[in-house]
């Protein structure tokens, strides 16, 4: 008689040897490098974590000996991480080029002064980010090493611009500006700093939301990703509104209104989807809910982002101060590419942190199992003692209660 099969669809049966990764397909005609890039780009945007194609250089690192225990979800996450890091790497290159051009212009106009030094500081920062992403992508199969490189370099690159914003730029660029003109020039520089910081701030919560989606696709039985989505989605709406209201008030463009509405309302799809995903799922049902959530959020973000870019492009150059444009085409270009690179980088960092938290909770429950069993046994013993004491108290009360006088023979009194 066979045992009933209670395996979750899409997951390997318990205590079974996970299957080895599929063999690599022979490369199609053409450049192997561009074929690899194409496969990775397609893989990066798949939410089901099923690799469209396993590349020849991925078969060995994904063997059972290299992936400890042959964890199939970890294999799929590692393949997806490699693709997502490639996207972050590609979108990080254009901002670096723009930074180098700006630093060269500042050096030519101002010479070796503080302003040129700040520009070259930003160049070094972007270059460090690019090198870190490349190193993490090269070590994609070594999860521990890759995530450490990515996490620490992200923390440094995230904090450095905020520390840079503490420098009083007004005293650097216009030390002699006083009165109302000084205040206006300070506001001008404040907007420039805002443009530098906004992509990093705006990428925070979307990266967390996308990481939670990937975690749910890897471990559909876990309810933690759905809870994270429910908590983060309302903050995403609030953050979008607060950050976008500044360029809207500056430009006053009509395109900014639908941009704010769409980008503020898009996280609602994540919130509703998070309620569905905050419970154990089969893989098939999880992918169905994930697909509905992502389609709605992507549509809102794409349309809202398009309206935002068009609104900024239409009004670019309309806001000036002393003959200088407050927002230029280069600033828009830089902000868009930086935002996309940051989202994908934070998505990878988020999935690393989330899987680490899931493993930590699991090991903590296992470590506390013996203590919990002992505590429950002691609790049961205490209840047994309490029940015995309660019964004894009831018996004593019954024995000490006054008895009615005996009735005379023959019934009642004569």
Protein backbone atom coordinates (compact mmCIF):
# COMPACT_ATOMS: atom_id res chain seq x y z
CA UNK A 1 0.00 0.00 0.00
CA UNK A 2 1.47 3.33 -1.03
CA UNK A 3 1.59 6.37 1.20
CA UNK A 4 -0.53 9.37 0.23
CA UNK A 5 1.39 12.09 -1.61
CA UNK A 6 1.21 15.34 0.35
CA UNK A 7 3.98 17.10 -1.59
CA UNK A 8 3.37 20.78 -2.27
CA UNK A 9 3.07 21.36 -6.02
CA UNK A 10 6.19 22.94 -7.40
CA UNK A 11 8.36 21.95 -4.41
CA UNK A 12 10.55 18.83 -3.97
CA UNK A 13 9.11 16.13 -1.67
CA UNK A 14 10.48 16.12 1.89
CA UNK A 15 13.71 14.16 2.48
CA UNK A 16 14.08 13.62 -1.26
CA UNK A 17 17.26 14.31 -3.18
CA UNK A 18 16.69 17.58 -5.05
CA UNK A 19 17.10 17.28 -8.79
CA UNK A 20 20.29 18.45 -10.38
CA UNK A 21 20.01 21.66 -12.43
CA UNK A 22 19.06 21.14 -16.05
CA UNK A 23 21.87 20.75 -18.49
CA UNK A 24 22.90 23.81 -20.39
CA UNK A 25 21.40 24.28 -23.82
CA UNK A 26 23.82 24.62 -26.71
CA UNK A 27 24.34 28.31 -27.48
CA UNK A 28 22.49 29.68 -30.44
CA UNK A 29 24.36 31.03 -33.41
CA UNK A 30 25.87 34.41 -32.79
CA UNK A 31 28.06 35.88 -30.11
CA UNK A 32 28.01 33.79 -26.89
CA UNK A 33 28.48 36.98 -24.87
CA UNK A 34 25.40 38.71 -26.27
CA UNK A 35 23.41 35.49 -25.95
CA UNK A 36 24.35 35.38 -22.26
CA UNK A 37 23.32 39.01 -21.80
CA UNK A 38 19.98 38.35 -23.51
CA UNK A 39 19.25 35.31 -21.32
CA UNK A 40 20.12 37.18 -18.13
CA UNK A 41 18.03 40.23 -19.03
CA UNK A 42 14.98 38.06 -19.71
CA UNK A 43 15.57 36.16 -16.46
CA UNK A 44 15.84 39.33 -14.38
CA UNK A 45 12.24 40.30 -15.10
CA UNK A 46 10.71 36.85 -14.44
CA UNK A 47 8.96 36.66 -11.09
CA UNK A 48 8.52 32.87 -11.04
CA UNK A 49 12.32 32.34 -10.69
CA UNK A 50 12.23 29.61 -13.30
CA UNK A 51 15.33 30.18 -15.47
CA UNK A 52 14.44 30.37 -19.13
CA UNK A 53 17.80 28.81 -19.89
CA UNK A 54 20.70 27.62 -17.77
CA UNK A 55 23.94 28.90 -19.28
CA UNK A 56 26.96 26.61 -19.68
CA UNK A 57 29.00 28.46 -17.05
CA UNK A 58 26.17 28.05 -14.51
CA UNK A 59 25.89 24.25 -14.50
CA UNK A 60 29.01 23.59 -12.40
CA UNK A 61 28.40 26.25 -9.71
CA UNK A 62 24.81 25.00 -9.30
CA UNK A 63 25.78 21.36 -8.66
CA UNK A 64 24.71 19.68 -5.44
CA UNK A 65 28.25 19.87 -4.04
CA UNK A 66 28.49 23.63 -4.54
CA UNK A 67 24.96 24.51 -3.37
CA UNK A 68 24.92 23.10 0.15
CA UNK A 69 22.25 20.45 0.54
CA UNK A 70 21.10 20.91 -3.04
CA UNK A 71 18.48 23.52 -2.08
CA UNK A 72 16.33 24.03 -5.16
CA UNK A 73 14.91 27.42 -4.00
CA UNK A 74 18.44 28.66 -3.35
CA UNK A 75 19.50 27.56 -6.83
CA UNK A 76 16.69 29.56 -8.38
CA UNK A 77 17.44 32.60 -6.22
CA UNK A 78 21.12 32.49 -7.16
CA UNK A 79 20.30 32.39 -10.87
CA UNK A 80 17.91 35.31 -10.50
CA UNK A 81 20.44 37.30 -8.41
CA UNK A 82 23.02 37.06 -11.18
CA UNK A 83 20.55 38.46 -13.70
CA UNK A 84 19.33 41.27 -11.42
CA UNK A 85 22.90 42.33 -10.66
CA UNK A 86 23.61 42.54 -14.38
CA UNK A 87 20.70 44.96 -14.81
CA UNK A 88 21.96 47.06 -11.90
CA UNK A 89 25.46 47.03 -13.40
CA UNK A 90 24.30 48.15 -16.85
CA UNK A 91 22.17 50.99 -15.48
CA UNK A 92 25.02 52.12 -13.21
CA UNK A 93 27.37 52.81 -16.15
CA UNK A 94 25.57 55.88 -17.66
CA UNK A 95 25.47 57.81 -14.34
CA UNK A 96 29.20 57.20 -13.94
CA UNK A 97 29.86 58.60 -17.42
CA UNK A 98 27.76 61.68 -16.65
CA UNK A 99 29.62 62.16 -13.35
CA UNK A 100 32.97 62.03 -15.14
CA UNK A 101 31.80 64.63 -17.67
CA UNK A 102 30.50 66.91 -14.90
CA UNK A 103 33.76 66.56 -12.97
CA UNK A 104 35.75 67.45 -16.10
CA UNK A 105 33.57 70.51 -16.73
CA UNK A 106 33.91 71.64 -13.10
CA UNK A 107 37.68 71.20 -13.28
CA UNK A 108 37.87 73.25 -16.49
CA UNK A 109 35.65 76.06 -15.20
CA UNK A 110 36.76 76.32 -11.59
CA UNK A 111 40.19 74.73 -11.51
CA UNK A 112 41.30 72.68 -8.53
CA UNK A 113 38.89 74.12 -5.99
CA UNK A 114 36.42 72.64 -3.54
CA UNK A 115 33.64 72.39 -6.13
CA UNK A 116 35.79 70.28 -8.46
CA UNK A 117 36.85 68.17 -5.51
CA UNK A 118 33.22 67.44 -4.62
CA UNK A 119 32.48 66.43 -8.21
CA UNK A 120 35.41 64.01 -8.23
CA UNK A 121 34.21 62.64 -4.88
CA UNK A 122 30.90 61.74 -6.55
CA UNK A 123 32.81 60.13 -9.43
CA UNK A 124 34.76 57.92 -7.03
CA UNK A 125 31.55 57.02 -5.23
CA UNK A 126 29.81 55.92 -8.46
CA UNK A 127 32.93 54.02 -9.54
CA UNK A 128 33.03 52.19 -6.21
CA UNK A 129 29.39 51.20 -6.59
CA UNK A 130 30.04 49.88 -10.11
CA UNK A 131 33.04 47.81 -8.96
CA UNK A 132 31.05 46.39 -6.02
CA UNK A 133 28.15 45.32 -8.24
CA UNK A 134 30.58 43.69 -10.66
CA UNK A 135 32.34 41.84 -7.82
CA UNK A 136 29.03 40.59 -6.41
CA UNK A 137 27.94 39.51 -9.89
CA UNK A 138 31.20 37.60 -10.47
CA UNK A 139 30.72 35.79 -7.13
CA UNK A 140 27.04 35.11 -7.74
CA UNK A 141 27.34 31.39 -6.91
CA UNK A 142 28.97 32.12 -3.52
CA UNK A 143 25.92 33.54 -1.79
CA UNK A 144 27.63 34.48 1.47
CA UNK A 145 30.54 36.35 -0.13
CA UNK A 146 28.38 38.02 -2.76
CA UNK A 147 25.83 39.37 -0.33
CA UNK A 148 28.49 40.68 2.07
CA UNK A 149 30.20 42.66 -0.69
CA UNK A 150 26.88 44.03 -1.89
CA UNK A 151 25.51 44.95 1.54
CA UNK A 152 28.54 46.80 2.89
CA UNK A 153 29.26 48.72 -0.29
CA UNK A 154 25.60 49.70 -0.57
CA UNK A 155 25.61 50.99 3.00
CA UNK A 156 28.69 53.11 2.27
CA UNK A 157 27.33 54.43 -1.03
CA UNK A 158 23.96 55.19 0.56
CA UNK A 159 25.33 57.07 3.55
CA UNK A 160 28.03 59.01 1.68
CA UNK A 161 25.64 61.30 -0.29
CA UNK A 162 23.75 62.10 2.91
CA UNK A 163 26.99 63.04 4.63
CA UNK A 164 27.90 65.03 1.52
CA UNK A 165 24.61 66.92 1.84
CA UNK A 166 25.74 68.20 5.25
CA UNK A 167 28.44 70.26 3.57
CA UNK A 168 27.22 73.92 3.39
CA UNK A 169 27.38 74.27 -0.39
CA UNK A 170 26.34 77.90 -0.21
CA UNK A 171 29.62 78.77 1.53
CA UNK A 172 31.51 76.73 -1.09
CA UNK A 173 29.94 78.03 -4.31
CA UNK A 174 28.82 81.52 -3.19
CA UNK A 175 30.63 82.55 -0.01
CA UNK A 176 29.85 86.25 -0.58
CA UNK A 177 26.11 85.88 -1.24
CA UNK A 178 24.11 87.65 1.47
CA UNK A 179 20.50 88.57 2.17
CA UNK A 180 17.66 87.40 -0.10
CA UNK A 181 20.04 86.54 -2.91
CA UNK A 182 21.97 84.22 -0.60
CA UNK A 183 18.76 82.51 0.50
CA UNK A 184 17.64 82.00 -3.10
CA UNK A 185 21.05 80.63 -4.08
CA UNK A 186 20.93 78.30 -1.07
CA UNK A 187 17.52 77.06 -2.21
CA UNK A 188 18.98 76.49 -5.68
CA UNK A 189 21.75 74.33 -4.23
CA UNK A 190 19.24 72.57 -1.99
CA UNK A 191 17.29 71.47 -5.06
CA UNK A 192 20.52 70.20 -6.62
CA UNK A 193 21.22 68.11 -3.51
CA UNK A 194 17.60 66.88 -3.55
CA UNK A 195 18.07 65.61 -7.11
CA UNK A 196 21.12 63.68 -5.92
CA UNK A 197 19.35 62.07 -2.96
CA UNK A 198 15.87 61.48 -4.38
CA UNK A 199 16.69 58.35 -6.46
CA UNK A 200 18.33 56.63 -3.49
CA UNK A 201 15.37 57.43 -1.23
CA UNK A 202 12.71 56.53 -3.79
CA UNK A 203 14.38 53.17 -4.51
CA UNK A 204 14.30 51.98 -0.89
CA UNK A 205 10.75 50.69 -0.51
CA UNK A 206 10.22 49.54 -4.13
CA UNK A 207 13.36 47.43 -3.74
CA UNK A 208 11.97 45.90 -0.54
CA UNK A 209 8.61 45.19 -2.17
CA UNK A 210 10.19 43.47 -5.16
CA UNK A 211 12.46 41.47 -2.85
CA UNK A 212 9.43 40.23 -0.90
CA UNK A 213 7.80 39.11 -4.15
CA UNK A 214 10.91 37.11 -5.05
CA UNK A 215 11.07 35.59 -1.55
CA UNK A 216 7.44 34.44 -1.86
CA UNK A 217 8.17 32.85 -5.23
CA UNK A 218 11.13 30.99 -3.72
CA UNK A 219 9.32 29.86 -0.54
CA UNK A 220 5.55 29.97 -1.19
CA UNK A 221 4.76 28.37 2.18
CA UNK A 222 6.19 31.37 4.05
CA UNK A 223 3.79 34.13 5.11
CA UNK A 224 6.55 36.61 6.06
CA UNK A 225 6.96 38.15 2.56
CA UNK A 226 3.28 39.01 2.43
CA UNK A 227 3.46 40.68 5.85
CA UNK A 228 6.46 42.73 4.71
CA UNK A 229 4.54 43.85 1.62
CA UNK A 230 1.53 44.89 3.71
CA UNK A 231 3.73 47.02 5.98
CA UNK A 232 5.91 48.58 3.26
CA UNK A 233 3.28 49.43 0.62
CA UNK A 234 1.55 52.30 2.53
CA UNK A 235 4.94 53.87 3.29
CA UNK A 236 5.79 53.66 -0.40
CA UNK A 237 2.70 55.70 -1.28
CA UNK A 238 3.49 58.31 1.35
CA UNK A 239 7.14 58.55 0.33
CA UNK A 240 6.26 58.94 -3.36
CA UNK A 241 3.87 61.78 -2.62
CA UNK A 242 6.27 63.67 -0.34
CA UNK A 243 9.22 63.40 -2.74
CA UNK A 244 7.28 64.20 -5.94
CA UNK A 245 5.44 67.21 -4.54
CA UNK A 246 8.65 69.30 -4.70
CA UNK A 247 9.23 69.04 -8.49
CA UNK A 248 5.49 69.57 -9.00
CA UNK A 249 5.51 72.80 -7.03
CA UNK A 250 8.65 73.93 -8.86
CA UNK A 251 7.44 73.26 -12.38
CA UNK A 252 3.67 73.44 -12.00
CA UNK A 253 3.37 71.26 -15.10
CA UNK A 254 0.14 69.47 -15.90
CA UNK A 255 1.97 66.21 -16.55
CA UNK A 256 3.04 66.08 -12.91
CA UNK A 257 -0.51 65.61 -11.62
CA UNK A 258 -1.15 62.20 -13.26
CA UNK A 259 2.43 61.23 -12.39
CA UNK A 260 1.83 61.86 -8.68
CA UNK A 261 -1.55 60.11 -8.73
CA UNK A 262 -0.31 57.01 -10.57
CA UNK A 263 2.92 56.61 -8.60
CA UNK A 264 1.11 57.18 -5.31
CA UNK A 265 -1.71 54.73 -6.06
CA UNK A 266 0.40 51.97 -7.66
CA UNK A 267 1.50 50.55 -4.25
CA UNK A 268 -2.17 49.76 -3.54
CA UNK A 269 -1.77 46.71 -5.77
CA UNK A 270 1.11 45.59 -3.57
CA UNK A 271 -0.95 46.10 -0.41
CA UNK A 272 -3.91 44.08 -1.73
CA UNK A 273 -1.56 41.43 -3.07
CA UNK A 274 0.27 41.36 0.25
CA UNK A 275 -2.95 40.44 2.04
CA UNK A 276 -3.29 37.47 -0.31
CA UNK A 277 0.33 36.45 0.03
CA UNK A 278 0.45 36.69 3.84
CA UNK A 279 -0.47 33.04 4.24
CA UNK A 280 0.96 29.69 3.15
CA UNK A 281 0.51 29.02 -0.57
CA UNK A 282 1.21 26.33 -3.05
CA UNK A 283 3.69 27.42 -5.70
CA UNK A 284 0.99 27.57 -8.37
CA UNK A 285 -1.33 29.76 -6.29
CA UNK A 286 1.55 32.00 -5.14
CA UNK A 287 2.65 32.65 -8.72
CA UNK A 288 -0.93 33.47 -9.69
CA UNK A 289 -1.25 36.10 -6.92
CA UNK A 290 2.26 37.41 -7.61
CA UNK A 291 1.42 37.86 -11.30
CA UNK A 292 -1.73 39.86 -10.50
CA UNK A 293 0.15 42.03 -8.01
CA UNK A 294 3.09 42.76 -10.28
CA UNK A 295 1.01 43.51 -13.37
CA UNK A 296 -1.04 46.16 -11.58
CA UNK A 297 1.96 47.76 -9.86
CA UNK A 298 4.12 47.73 -12.99
CA UNK A 299 1.37 49.34 -15.08
CA UNK A 300 0.91 52.14 -12.55
CA UNK A 301 4.65 52.72 -12.11
CA UNK A 302 5.40 52.71 -15.84
CA UNK A 303 2.61 55.14 -16.70
CA UNK A 304 3.41 57.34 -13.71
CA UNK A 305 7.13 57.30 -14.48
CA UNK A 306 6.45 58.21 -18.11
CA UNK A 307 4.28 61.15 -17.07
CA UNK A 308 6.94 62.24 -14.60
CA UNK A 309 9.73 62.20 -17.19
CA UNK A 310 7.58 63.98 -19.78
CA UNK A 311 6.56 66.59 -17.21
CA UNK A 312 10.15 67.28 -16.26
CA UNK A 313 11.30 67.34 -19.89
CA UNK A 314 8.55 69.77 -20.89
CA UNK A 315 9.37 72.21 -18.10
CA UNK A 316 13.16 71.76 -18.16
CA UNK A 317 14.85 75.11 -18.54
CA UNK A 318 11.77 77.05 -17.47
CA UNK A 319 13.12 77.52 -13.94
CA UNK A 320 16.32 79.59 -13.91
CA UNK A 321 18.47 81.44 -11.44
CA UNK A 322 21.12 83.92 -12.57
CA UNK A 323 21.02 82.44 -16.05
CA UNK A 324 21.50 78.84 -14.82
CA UNK A 325 18.92 76.13 -15.38
CA UNK A 326 17.62 74.57 -12.18
CA UNK A 327 16.91 71.22 -13.85
CA UNK A 328 18.67 70.06 -17.00
CA UNK A 329 18.24 67.11 -19.33
CA UNK A 330 21.37 65.58 -17.84
CA UNK A 331 19.83 65.69 -14.36
CA UNK A 332 16.72 63.84 -15.55
CA UNK A 333 18.81 61.27 -17.38
CA UNK A 334 21.01 60.78 -14.32
CA UNK A 335 18.08 60.44 -11.91
CA UNK A 336 16.20 57.86 -14.03
CA UNK A 337 19.18 55.56 -14.55
CA UNK A 338 20.30 55.88 -10.94
CA UNK A 339 16.80 55.05 -9.71
CA UNK A 340 16.56 51.88 -11.82
CA UNK A 341 20.04 50.73 -10.80
CA UNK A 342 19.26 51.37 -7.13
CA UNK A 343 15.96 49.46 -7.28
CA UNK A 344 17.59 46.34 -8.71
CA UNK A 345 20.52 46.56 -6.31
CA UNK A 346 18.19 46.96 -3.33
CA UNK A 347 16.03 44.14 -4.63
CA UNK A 348 19.00 41.77 -4.43
CA UNK A 349 20.06 43.09 -1.03
CA UNK A 350 16.47 42.78 0.20
CA UNK A 351 16.13 39.14 -0.85
CA UNK A 352 19.46 38.36 0.85
CA UNK A 353 18.30 39.96 4.11
CA UNK A 354 14.85 38.38 3.91
CA UNK A 355 16.12 34.85 3.30
CA UNK A 356 18.62 35.32 6.12
CA UNK A 357 15.80 36.40 8.44
CA UNK A 358 13.68 33.40 7.42
CA UNK A 359 16.57 31.02 8.13
CA UNK A 360 17.26 32.74 11.45
CA UNK A 361 13.64 32.40 12.57
CA UNK A 362 13.61 28.75 11.54
CA UNK A 363 16.80 27.94 13.43
CA UNK A 364 15.55 29.90 16.45
CA UNK A 365 12.36 27.84 16.56
CA UNK A 366 14.38 24.64 16.36
CA UNK A 367 16.74 25.78 19.11
CA UNK A 368 13.83 26.69 21.37
CA UNK A 369 11.93 23.46 20.71
CA UNK A 370 13.45 21.60 23.68
CA UNK A 371 12.91 24.54 26.03
CA UNK A 372 9.33 24.93 24.83
CA UNK A 373 8.64 21.23 25.35
CA UNK A 374 10.05 21.42 28.87
CA UNK A 375 8.02 24.54 29.66
CA UNK A 376 4.84 22.95 28.32
CA UNK A 377 5.48 19.82 30.44
CA UNK A 378 5.99 21.98 33.55
CA UNK A 379 2.83 23.91 32.66
CA UNK A 380 0.88 20.66 32.39
CA UNK A 381 2.22 19.51 35.78
CA UNK A 382 1.20 22.81 37.38
CA UNK A 383 -2.30 22.42 35.95
CA UNK A 384 -2.48 18.85 37.30
CA UNK A 385 -1.51 20.13 40.77
CA UNK A 386 -4.04 22.95 40.49
CA UNK A 387 -6.78 20.55 39.42
CA UNK A 388 -5.97 18.20 42.31
CA UNK A 389 -6.01 21.10 44.78
CA UNK A 390 -9.34 22.28 43.39
CA UNK A 391 -10.88 18.82 43.78
CA UNK A 392 -9.55 18.48 47.33
CA UNK A 393 -10.96 21.89 48.23
CA UNK A 394 -14.36 20.88 46.87
CA UNK A 395 -14.26 17.63 48.87
CA UNK A 396 -13.34 19.46 52.10
CA UNK A 397 -16.15 21.94 51.54
CA UNK A 398 -18.60 19.13 51.08
CA UNK A 399 -17.46 17.34 54.28
CA UNK A 400 -17.55 20.50 56.44
CA UNK A 401 -20.98 21.62 55.30
CA UNK A 402 -23.69 21.34 58.10
CA UNK A 403 -25.88 18.29 57.74
CA UNK A 404 -29.68 18.56 58.09
CA UNK A 405 -31.16 17.09 61.36
CA UNK A 406 -32.31 13.49 61.08
CA UNK A 407 -35.97 12.96 60.43
CA UNK A 408 -37.91 10.99 63.09
CA UNK A 409 -39.29 7.58 62.07
CA UNK A 410 -42.56 7.68 60.31
CA UNK A 411 -41.97 10.90 58.39
CA UNK A 412 -42.53 14.40 59.78
CA UNK A 413 -43.36 15.55 63.36
CA UNK A 414 -46.64 14.43 64.87
